[in-house]
């Protein structure tokens, strides 16, 4: 069996933890198997039992999460599957209590992911997004790209015009998107200075800088900077408006 982590998990009653097929007995068998041997077949089956292709997760997904975190320090498959579950944790899965029970495991997972980021791995962006999900920044985990060709669509907070924000190799600008003419009336974005960043934006930028990902850091500075509305010329904070429009409504614990 895998070594215990630095957190304690509740004993799971697997008879109540169905997977995406409604089975309650298969996932614990698969967990036992991958803890003993790194079976590709077992990982593949567990993946499609715990995360459905339409971004759905199930009671078995959260029941398995602490054991996946314990394996994640030595298994890329475990790390990836744990991250895939957390990226979907804002959905309507009806498992709020199970997710709350994973708090210690998620905190440990955050530390593990940060260590992995510092190693500058090939899967850096995926790990970065998993870290955001572990911090409950689900909207950024879902949409953040590598800033080669990223677009964010939001409404101007002053005139409600639909504004396209482009951050990529083709420019860093706000514009009105015309489906015949393309992005018209472009206005250059105004990136935030590192000193002006706070909260999640500061963590994102400092982490990318620390790990030598300059393009990612520059994109984040623009994303958390300001844009000018091409319609009314008002200036607004991009990340604030995007977050306000897209942050999932987290369920309150009872």
C-alpha atoms as a PDB file:
ATOM      1  CA  UNK A   1       0.000   0.000   0.000  1.00  0.00           C
ATOM      2  CA  UNK A   2       1.063   3.610  -0.587  1.00  0.00           C
ATOM      3  CA  UNK A   3       2.566   5.515   2.291  1.00  0.00           C
ATOM      4  CA  UNK A   4       0.129   7.666   4.232  1.00  0.00           C
ATOM      5  CA  UNK A   5       0.176  11.400   3.562  1.00  0.00           C
ATOM      6  CA  UNK A   6       0.244  14.113   6.154  1.00  0.00           C
ATOM      7  CA  UNK A   7      -3.523  14.332   6.334  1.00  0.00           C
ATOM      8  CA  UNK A   8      -6.220  12.075   7.692  1.00  0.00           C
ATOM      9  CA  UNK A   9      -9.131  10.979   5.544  1.00  0.00           C
ATOM     10  CA  UNK A  10     -12.459   9.692   6.770  1.00  0.00           C
ATOM     11  CA  UNK A  11     -13.250   6.037   6.277  1.00  0.00           C
ATOM     12  CA  UNK A  12     -15.266   5.790   3.077  1.00  0.00           C
ATOM     13  CA  UNK A  13     -18.489   3.832   2.876  1.00  0.00           C
ATOM     14  CA  UNK A  14     -18.114   2.777  -0.735  1.00  0.00           C
ATOM     15  CA  UNK A  15     -21.618   1.291  -0.815  1.00  0.00           C
ATOM     16  CA  UNK A  16     -22.868   4.892  -1.084  1.00  0.00           C
ATOM     17  CA  UNK A  17     -20.238   6.159  -3.548  1.00  0.00           C
ATOM     18  CA  UNK A  18     -21.429   5.490  -7.080  1.00  0.00           C
ATOM     19  CA  UNK A  19     -19.312   6.289 -10.124  1.00  0.00           C
ATOM     20  CA  UNK A  20     -20.532   7.529 -13.521  1.00  0.00           C
ATOM     21  CA  UNK A  21     -21.931   4.079 -14.325  1.00  0.00           C
ATOM     22  CA  UNK A  22     -23.783   3.811 -11.024  1.00  0.00           C
ATOM     23  CA  UNK A  23     -21.387   1.139  -9.743  1.00  0.00           C
ATOM     24  CA  UNK A  24     -20.258   1.226  -6.110  1.00  0.00           C
ATOM     25  CA  UNK A  25     -17.739  -1.591  -6.076  1.00  0.00           C
ATOM     26  CA  UNK A  26     -15.392  -0.981  -9.001  1.00  0.00           C
ATOM     27  CA  UNK A  27     -13.479   2.193  -8.036  1.00  0.00           C
ATOM     28  CA  UNK A  28     -12.173   0.861  -4.689  1.00  0.00           C
ATOM     29  CA  UNK A  29     -10.908  -2.252  -6.498  1.00  0.00           C
ATOM     30  CA  UNK A  30      -9.115  -0.080  -9.046  1.00  0.00           C
ATOM     31  CA  UNK A  31      -7.606   2.087  -6.296  1.00  0.00           C
ATOM     32  CA  UNK A  32      -6.242  -0.982  -4.566  1.00  0.00           C
ATOM     33  CA  UNK A  33      -4.767  -2.144  -7.840  1.00  0.00           C
ATOM     34  CA  UNK A  34      -2.952   1.109  -8.711  1.00  0.00           C
ATOM     35  CA  UNK A  35      -1.621   1.391  -5.172  1.00  0.00           C
ATOM     36  CA  UNK A  36       0.106  -1.953  -5.692  1.00  0.00           C
ATOM     37  CA  UNK A  37       1.056  -1.685  -9.364  1.00  0.00           C
ATOM     38  CA  UNK A  38       1.074   1.215 -11.827  1.00  0.00           C
ATOM     39  CA  UNK A  39      -1.413  -0.411 -14.182  1.00  0.00           C
ATOM     40  CA  UNK A  40      -2.221   1.696 -17.257  1.00  0.00           C
ATOM     41  CA  UNK A  41      -5.444  -0.253 -17.806  1.00  0.00           C
ATOM     42  CA  UNK A  42      -6.600   0.375 -14.245  1.00  0.00           C
ATOM     43  CA  UNK A  43      -5.805   4.101 -14.483  1.00  0.00           C
ATOM     44  CA  UNK A  44      -7.682   4.388 -17.778  1.00  0.00           C
ATOM     45  CA  UNK A  45     -10.776   2.677 -16.419  1.00  0.00           C
ATOM     46  CA  UNK A  46     -10.723   4.696 -13.211  1.00  0.00           C
ATOM     47  CA  UNK A  47     -10.416   7.906 -15.211  1.00  0.00           C
ATOM     48  CA  UNK A  48     -13.611   7.379 -17.186  1.00  0.00           C
ATOM     49  CA  UNK A  49     -15.443   6.120 -14.104  1.00  0.00           C
ATOM     50  CA  UNK A  50     -14.548   9.224 -12.059  1.00  0.00           C
ATOM     51  CA  UNK A  51     -14.710  12.000 -14.685  1.00  0.00           C
ATOM     52  CA  UNK A  52     -17.340  11.816 -17.404  1.00  0.00           C
ATOM     53  CA  UNK A  53     -16.470  13.419 -20.720  1.00  0.00           C
ATOM     54  CA  UNK A  54     -19.089  16.140 -20.222  1.00  0.00           C
ATOM     55  CA  UNK A  55     -17.245  17.553 -17.210  1.00  0.00           C
ATOM     56  CA  UNK A  56     -19.293  15.648 -14.632  1.00  0.00           C
ATOM     57  CA  UNK A  57     -17.997  14.153 -11.398  1.00  0.00           C
ATOM     58  CA  UNK A  58     -19.638  11.805  -8.922  1.00  0.00           C
ATOM     59  CA  UNK A  59     -19.520  10.755  -5.250  1.00  0.00           C
ATOM     60  CA  UNK A  60     -16.812   8.200  -6.056  1.00  0.00           C
ATOM     61  CA  UNK A  61     -14.708  11.002  -7.557  1.00  0.00           C
ATOM     62  CA  UNK A  62     -14.421  12.859  -4.256  1.00  0.00           C
ATOM     63  CA  UNK A  63     -14.242   9.662  -2.224  1.00  0.00           C
ATOM     64  CA  UNK A  64     -11.181   8.670  -4.259  1.00  0.00           C
ATOM     65  CA  UNK A  65      -9.513  12.104  -4.127  1.00  0.00           C
ATOM     66  CA  UNK A  66      -7.524  11.691  -0.849  1.00  0.00           C
ATOM     67  CA  UNK A  67      -6.043   8.404  -2.036  1.00  0.00           C
ATOM     68  CA  UNK A  68      -5.183   9.933  -5.404  1.00  0.00           C
ATOM     69  CA  UNK A  69      -3.392  12.793  -3.641  1.00  0.00           C
ATOM     70  CA  UNK A  70      -1.361  10.298  -1.615  1.00  0.00           C
ATOM     71  CA  UNK A  71      -0.237   8.687  -4.867  1.00  0.00           C
ATOM     72  CA  UNK A  72       0.311  11.957  -6.727  1.00  0.00           C
ATOM     73  CA  UNK A  73       3.876  12.589  -5.530  1.00  0.00           C
ATOM     74  CA  UNK A  74       5.089   9.538  -7.442  1.00  0.00           C
ATOM     75  CA  UNK A  75       2.400   9.126 -10.097  1.00  0.00           C
ATOM     76  CA  UNK A  76       1.691  11.590 -12.905  1.00  0.00           C
ATOM     77  CA  UNK A  77      -1.550   9.721 -13.609  1.00  0.00           C
ATOM     78  CA  UNK A  78      -2.751  10.214 -10.035  1.00  0.00           C
ATOM     79  CA  UNK A  79      -1.782  13.879 -10.120  1.00  0.00           C
ATOM     80  CA  UNK A  80      -3.606  14.416 -13.409  1.00  0.00           C
ATOM     81  CA  UNK A  81      -6.756  12.599 -12.304  1.00  0.00           C
ATOM     82  CA  UNK A  82      -6.894  14.475  -8.990  1.00  0.00           C
ATOM     83  CA  UNK A  83      -6.538  17.734 -10.904  1.00  0.00           C
ATOM     84  CA  UNK A  84      -9.260  16.736 -13.381  1.00  0.00           C
ATOM     85  CA  UNK A  85     -11.660  16.087 -10.500  1.00  0.00           C
ATOM     86  CA  UNK A  86     -10.922  19.428  -8.843  1.00  0.00           C
ATOM     87  CA  UNK A  87     -11.353  21.397 -12.065  1.00  0.00           C
ATOM     88  CA  UNK A  88     -14.947  20.145 -12.110  1.00  0.00           C
ATOM     89  CA  UNK A  89     -15.653  20.730  -8.424  1.00  0.00           C
ATOM     90  CA  UNK A  90     -17.731  23.851  -9.087  1.00  0.00           C
ATOM     91  CA  UNK A  91     -20.306  21.884 -11.094  1.00  0.00           C
ATOM     92  CA  UNK A  92     -23.683  20.677  -9.910  1.00  0.00           C
ATOM     93  CA  UNK A  93     -22.600  17.326  -8.542  1.00  0.00           C
ATOM     94  CA  UNK A  94     -24.535  17.271  -5.274  1.00  0.00           C
ATOM     95  CA  UNK A  95     -21.437  16.212  -3.326  1.00  0.00           C
ATOM     96  CA  UNK A  96     -20.740  19.322  -1.241  1.00  0.00           C
ATOM     97  CA  UNK A  97     -20.212  17.358   1.984  1.00  0.00           C
ATOM     98  CA  UNK A  98     -17.787  14.974   0.300  1.00  0.00           C
ATOM     99  CA  UNK A  99     -15.848  17.892  -1.186  1.00  0.00           C
ATOM    100  CA  UNK A 100     -15.638  19.543   2.241  1.00  0.00           C
ATOM    101  CA  UNK A 101     -14.247  16.314   3.680  1.00  0.00           C
ATOM    102  CA  UNK A 102     -11.383  16.586   1.147  1.00  0.00           C
ATOM    103  CA  UNK A 103     -10.133  19.931   2.511  1.00  0.00           C
ATOM    104  CA  UNK A 104      -6.957  18.505   4.057  1.00  0.00           C
ATOM    105  CA  UNK A 105      -6.178  16.465   0.964  1.00  0.00           C
ATOM    106  CA  UNK A 106      -6.699  19.506  -1.270  1.00  0.00           C
ATOM    107  CA  UNK A 107      -4.369  21.593   0.907  1.00  0.00           C
ATOM    108  CA  UNK A 108      -1.728  18.880   0.603  1.00  0.00           C
ATOM    109  CA  UNK A 109      -2.343  18.717  -3.146  1.00  0.00           C
ATOM    110  CA  UNK A 110      -1.705  22.472  -3.428  1.00  0.00           C
ATOM    111  CA  UNK A 111       1.732  22.012  -1.871  1.00  0.00           C
ATOM    112  CA  UNK A 112       2.527  19.060  -4.125  1.00  0.00           C
ATOM    113  CA  UNK A 113       1.506  20.988  -7.232  1.00  0.00           C
ATOM    114  CA  UNK A 114       3.639  23.955  -6.220  1.00  0.00           C
ATOM    115  CA  UNK A 115       6.676  21.715  -5.856  1.00  0.00           C
ATOM    116  CA  UNK A 116       5.955  20.268  -9.274  1.00  0.00           C
ATOM    117  CA  UNK A 117       5.674  23.746 -10.801  1.00  0.00           C
ATOM    118  CA  UNK A 118       9.089  24.684  -9.419  1.00  0.00           C
ATOM    119  CA  UNK A 119      10.567  21.745 -11.315  1.00  0.00           C
ATOM    120  CA  UNK A 120       9.415  23.478 -14.552  1.00  0.00           C
ATOM    121  CA  UNK A 121       7.778  20.326 -15.965  1.00  0.00           C
ATOM    122  CA  UNK A 122       6.585  19.758 -19.516  1.00  0.00           C
ATOM    123  CA  UNK A 123       2.992  19.851 -18.229  1.00  0.00           C
ATOM    124  CA  UNK A 124       3.519  23.237 -16.552  1.00  0.00           C
ATOM    125  CA  UNK A 125       0.311  24.910 -17.771  1.00  0.00           C
ATOM    126  CA  UNK A 126      -1.863  21.916 -16.855  1.00  0.00           C
ATOM    127  CA  UNK A 127      -0.330  21.897 -13.375  1.00  0.00           C
ATOM    128  CA  UNK A 128      -0.833  25.662 -13.111  1.00  0.00           C
ATOM    129  CA  UNK A 129      -4.525  25.227 -13.952  1.00  0.00           C
ATOM    130  CA  UNK A 130      -4.875  22.385 -11.441  1.00  0.00           C
ATOM    131  CA  UNK A 131      -3.364  24.694  -8.812  1.00  0.00           C
ATOM    132  CA  UNK A 132      -5.975  27.338  -9.604  1.00  0.00           C
ATOM    133  CA  UNK A 133      -8.751  24.772  -9.241  1.00  0.00           C
ATOM    134  CA  UNK A 134      -7.314  23.634  -5.904  1.00  0.00           C
ATOM    135  CA  UNK A 135      -7.507  27.283  -4.812  1.00  0.00           C
ATOM    136  CA  UNK A 136     -11.185  27.369  -5.912  1.00  0.00           C
ATOM    137  CA  UNK A 137     -10.417  29.708  -8.811  1.00  0.00           C
ATOM    138  CA  UNK A 138     -12.492  27.513 -11.094  1.00  0.00           C
ATOM    139  CA  UNK A 139     -13.235  30.143 -13.740  1.00  0.00           C
ATOM    140  CA  UNK A 140      -9.518  30.820 -14.362  1.00  0.00           C
ATOM    141  CA  UNK A 141      -8.742  27.098 -14.276  1.00  0.00           C
ATOM    142  CA  UNK A 142     -11.320  26.606 -17.015  1.00  0.00           C
ATOM    143  CA  UNK A 143     -10.319  29.403 -19.409  1.00  0.00           C
ATOM    144  CA  UNK A 144      -6.685  30.384 -18.882  1.00  0.00           C
ATOM    145  CA  UNK A 145      -4.472  29.535 -21.840  1.00  0.00           C
ATOM    146  CA  UNK A 146      -0.818  30.003 -22.678  1.00  0.00           C
ATOM    147  CA  UNK A 147      -1.453  33.471 -24.150  1.00  0.00           C
ATOM    148  CA  UNK A 148      -0.492  32.536 -27.675  1.00  0.00           C
ATOM    149  CA  UNK A 149      -4.074  33.125 -28.866  1.00  0.00           C
ATOM    150  CA  UNK A 150      -6.330  33.862 -25.875  1.00  0.00           C
ATOM    151  CA  UNK A 151      -9.649  35.711 -26.095  1.00  0.00           C
ATOM    152  CA  UNK A 152     -11.977  36.804 -23.313  1.00  0.00           C
ATOM    153  CA  UNK A 153     -15.461  38.152 -23.983  1.00  0.00           C
ATOM    154  CA  UNK A 154     -17.204  40.411 -21.516  1.00  0.00           C
ATOM    155  CA  UNK A 155     -19.642  43.294 -21.286  1.00  0.00           C
ATOM    156  CA  UNK A 156     -18.403  46.823 -20.681  1.00  0.00           C
ATOM    157  CA  UNK A 157     -19.533  47.708 -17.130  1.00  0.00           C
ATOM    158  CA  UNK A 158     -20.484  51.231 -18.261  1.00  0.00           C
ATOM    159  CA  UNK A 159     -22.306  50.848 -21.596  1.00  0.00           C
ATOM    160  CA  UNK A 160     -22.843  47.041 -21.735  1.00  0.00           C
ATOM    161  CA  UNK A 161     -21.154  46.766 -25.139  1.00  0.00           C
ATOM    162  CA  UNK A 162     -19.805  43.300 -25.885  1.00  0.00           C
ATOM    163  CA  UNK A 163     -16.027  43.707 -25.752  1.00  0.00           C
ATOM    164  CA  UNK A 164     -13.445  41.192 -26.968  1.00  0.00           C
ATOM    165  CA  UNK A 165     -10.162  41.093 -25.037  1.00  0.00           C
ATOM    166  CA  UNK A 166      -7.278  39.592 -27.012  1.00  0.00           C
ATOM    167  CA  UNK A 167      -4.012  38.555 -25.373  1.00  0.00           C
ATOM    168  CA  UNK A 168      -1.769  36.653 -27.714  1.00  0.00           C
ATOM    169  CA  UNK A 169       0.719  36.651 -30.529  1.00  0.00           C
ATOM    170  CA  UNK A 170      -1.575  38.806 -32.669  1.00  0.00           C
ATOM    171  CA  UNK A 171      -1.791  41.589 -30.103  1.00  0.00           C
ATOM    172  CA  UNK A 172      -2.978  42.652 -26.686  1.00  0.00           C
ATOM    173  CA  UNK A 173      -6.066  44.771 -27.183  1.00  0.00           C
ATOM    174  CA  UNK A 174      -9.749  45.379 -26.575  1.00  0.00           C
ATOM    175  CA  UNK A 175     -12.040  45.514 -29.591  1.00  0.00           C
ATOM    176  CA  UNK A 176     -15.565  45.150 -30.883  1.00  0.00           C
ATOM    177  CA  UNK A 177     -15.867  41.870 -32.746  1.00  0.00           C
ATOM    178  CA  UNK A 178     -17.481  42.092 -36.145  1.00  0.00           C
ATOM    179  CA  UNK A 179     -18.102  38.680 -37.676  1.00  0.00           C
ATOM    180  CA  UNK A 180     -17.414  40.045 -41.144  1.00  0.00           C
ATOM    181  CA  UNK A 181     -14.604  42.536 -40.464  1.00  0.00           C
ATOM    182  CA  UNK A 182     -12.956  40.855 -37.468  1.00  0.00           C
ATOM    183  CA  UNK A 183     -11.859  42.785 -34.386  1.00  0.00           C
ATOM    184  CA  UNK A 184     -12.437  46.472 -35.091  1.00  0.00           C
ATOM    185  CA  UNK A 185     -11.622  49.703 -33.245  1.00  0.00           C
ATOM    186  CA  UNK A 186      -8.778  48.128 -31.307  1.00  0.00           C
ATOM    187  CA  UNK A 187      -7.445  49.762 -28.145  1.00  0.00           C
ATOM    188  CA  UNK A 188      -4.166  48.678 -26.518  1.00  0.00           C
ATOM    189  CA  UNK A 189      -4.481  47.024 -23.125  1.00  0.00           C
ATOM    190  CA  UNK A 190      -2.804  48.558 -20.100  1.00  0.00           C
ATOM    191  CA  UNK A 191      -0.967  45.823 -18.159  1.00  0.00           C
ATOM    192  CA  UNK A 192      -0.895  45.872 -14.386  1.00  0.00           C
ATOM    193  CA  UNK A 193       2.413  46.486 -12.702  1.00  0.00           C
ATOM    194  CA  UNK A 194       3.577  43.622 -10.457  1.00  0.00           C
ATOM    195  CA  UNK A 195       3.292  45.911  -7.421  1.00  0.00           C
ATOM    196  CA  UNK A 196      -0.372  46.614  -8.193  1.00  0.00           C
ATOM    197  CA  UNK A 197      -1.384  42.970  -8.272  1.00  0.00           C
ATOM    198  CA  UNK A 198      -3.052  41.322  -5.304  1.00  0.00           C
ATOM    199  CA  UNK A 199      -4.813  38.099  -4.405  1.00  0.00           C
ATOM    200  CA  UNK A 200      -5.018  35.444  -7.090  1.00  0.00           C
ATOM    201  CA  UNK A 201      -3.538  37.715  -9.738  1.00  0.00           C
ATOM    202  CA  UNK A 202      -0.458  38.306  -7.621  1.00  0.00           C
ATOM    203  CA  UNK A 203      -0.043  34.578  -6.943  1.00  0.00           C
ATOM    204  CA  UNK A 204      -0.403  33.756 -10.631  1.00  0.00           C
ATOM    205  CA  UNK A 205       2.115  36.377 -11.737  1.00  0.00           C
ATOM    206  CA  UNK A 206       4.676  35.697  -8.998  1.00  0.00           C
ATOM    207  CA  UNK A 207       4.508  31.952  -9.622  1.00  0.00           C
ATOM    208  CA  UNK A 208       5.034  32.338 -13.378  1.00  0.00           C
ATOM    209  CA  UNK A 209       7.951  34.742 -12.790  1.00  0.00           C
ATOM    210  CA  UNK A 210       9.487  32.451 -10.188  1.00  0.00           C
ATOM    211  CA  UNK A 211       9.388  29.531 -12.583  1.00  0.00           C
ATOM    212  CA  UNK A 212      10.790  31.434 -15.555  1.00  0.00           C
ATOM    213  CA  UNK A 213       7.592  31.492 -17.644  1.00  0.00           C
ATOM    214  CA  UNK A 214       7.891  35.042 -18.925  1.00  0.00           C
ATOM    215  CA  UNK A 215       5.184  34.799 -21.596  1.00  0.00           C
ATOM    216  CA  UNK A 216       2.699  33.481 -19.047  1.00  0.00           C
ATOM    217  CA  UNK A 217       3.635  36.210 -16.564  1.00  0.00           C
ATOM    218  CA  UNK A 218       3.254  38.921 -19.221  1.00  0.00           C
ATOM    219  CA  UNK A 219      -0.138  37.568 -20.263  1.00  0.00           C
ATOM    220  CA  UNK A 220      -1.313  37.542 -16.647  1.00  0.00           C
ATOM    221  CA  UNK A 221      -0.164  41.148 -16.194  1.00  0.00           C
ATOM    222  CA  UNK A 222      -2.330  42.133 -19.171  1.00  0.00           C
ATOM    223  CA  UNK A 223      -5.274  39.979 -18.036  1.00  0.00           C
ATOM    224  CA  UNK A 224      -5.246  41.666 -14.631  1.00  0.00           C
ATOM    225  CA  UNK A 225      -4.675  45.073 -16.165  1.00  0.00           C
ATOM    226  CA  UNK A 226      -7.075  47.574 -17.691  1.00  0.00           C
ATOM    227  CA  UNK A 227      -8.941  47.824 -20.982  1.00  0.00           C
ATOM    228  CA  UNK A 228     -10.623  50.710 -22.749  1.00  0.00           C
ATOM    229  CA  UNK A 229     -14.093  50.134 -24.130  1.00  0.00           C
ATOM    230  CA  UNK A 230     -14.058  50.904 -27.866  1.00  0.00           C
ATOM    231  CA  UNK A 231     -17.709  51.988 -27.702  1.00  0.00           C
ATOM    232  CA  UNK A 232     -17.774  54.470 -24.779  1.00  0.00           C
ATOM    233  CA  UNK A 233     -14.026  54.911 -24.034  1.00  0.00           C
ATOM    234  CA  UNK A 234     -14.461  54.022 -20.367  1.00  0.00           C
ATOM    235  CA  UNK A 235     -11.627  52.109 -18.679  1.00  0.00           C
ATOM    236  CA  UNK A 236     -12.190  49.011 -16.568  1.00  0.00           C
ATOM    237  CA  UNK A 237     -10.256  46.196 -14.906  1.00  0.00           C
ATOM    238  CA  UNK A 238     -10.397  43.136 -17.148  1.00  0.00           C
ATOM    239  CA  UNK A 239     -10.041  40.435 -14.498  1.00  0.00           C
ATOM    240  CA  UNK A 240     -12.598  42.042 -12.185  1.00  0.00           C
ATOM    241  CA  UNK A 241     -15.238  42.192 -14.895  1.00  0.00           C
ATOM    242  CA  UNK A 242     -14.487  38.728 -16.201  1.00  0.00           C
ATOM    243  CA  UNK A 243     -14.525  37.255 -12.702  1.00  0.00           C
ATOM    244  CA  UNK A 244     -17.802  38.975 -11.851  1.00  0.00           C
ATOM    245  CA  UNK A 245     -19.439  37.507 -14.935  1.00  0.00           C
ATOM    246  CA  UNK A 246     -17.973  34.006 -14.744  1.00  0.00           C
ATOM    247  CA  UNK A 247     -17.128  33.040 -11.169  1.00  0.00           C
ATOM    248  CA  UNK A 248     -19.209  29.981 -10.188  1.00  0.00           C
ATOM    249  CA  UNK A 249     -21.640  30.463  -7.337  1.00  0.00           C
ATOM    250  CA  UNK A 250     -20.151  28.248  -4.636  1.00  0.00           C
ATOM    251  CA  UNK A 251     -22.630  26.338  -2.551  1.00  0.00           C
ATOM    252  CA  UNK A 252     -22.887  27.178   1.109  1.00  0.00           C
ATOM    253  CA  UNK A 253     -22.155  24.463   3.646  1.00  0.00           C
ATOM    254  CA  UNK A 254     -25.175  23.495   5.701  1.00  0.00           C
END
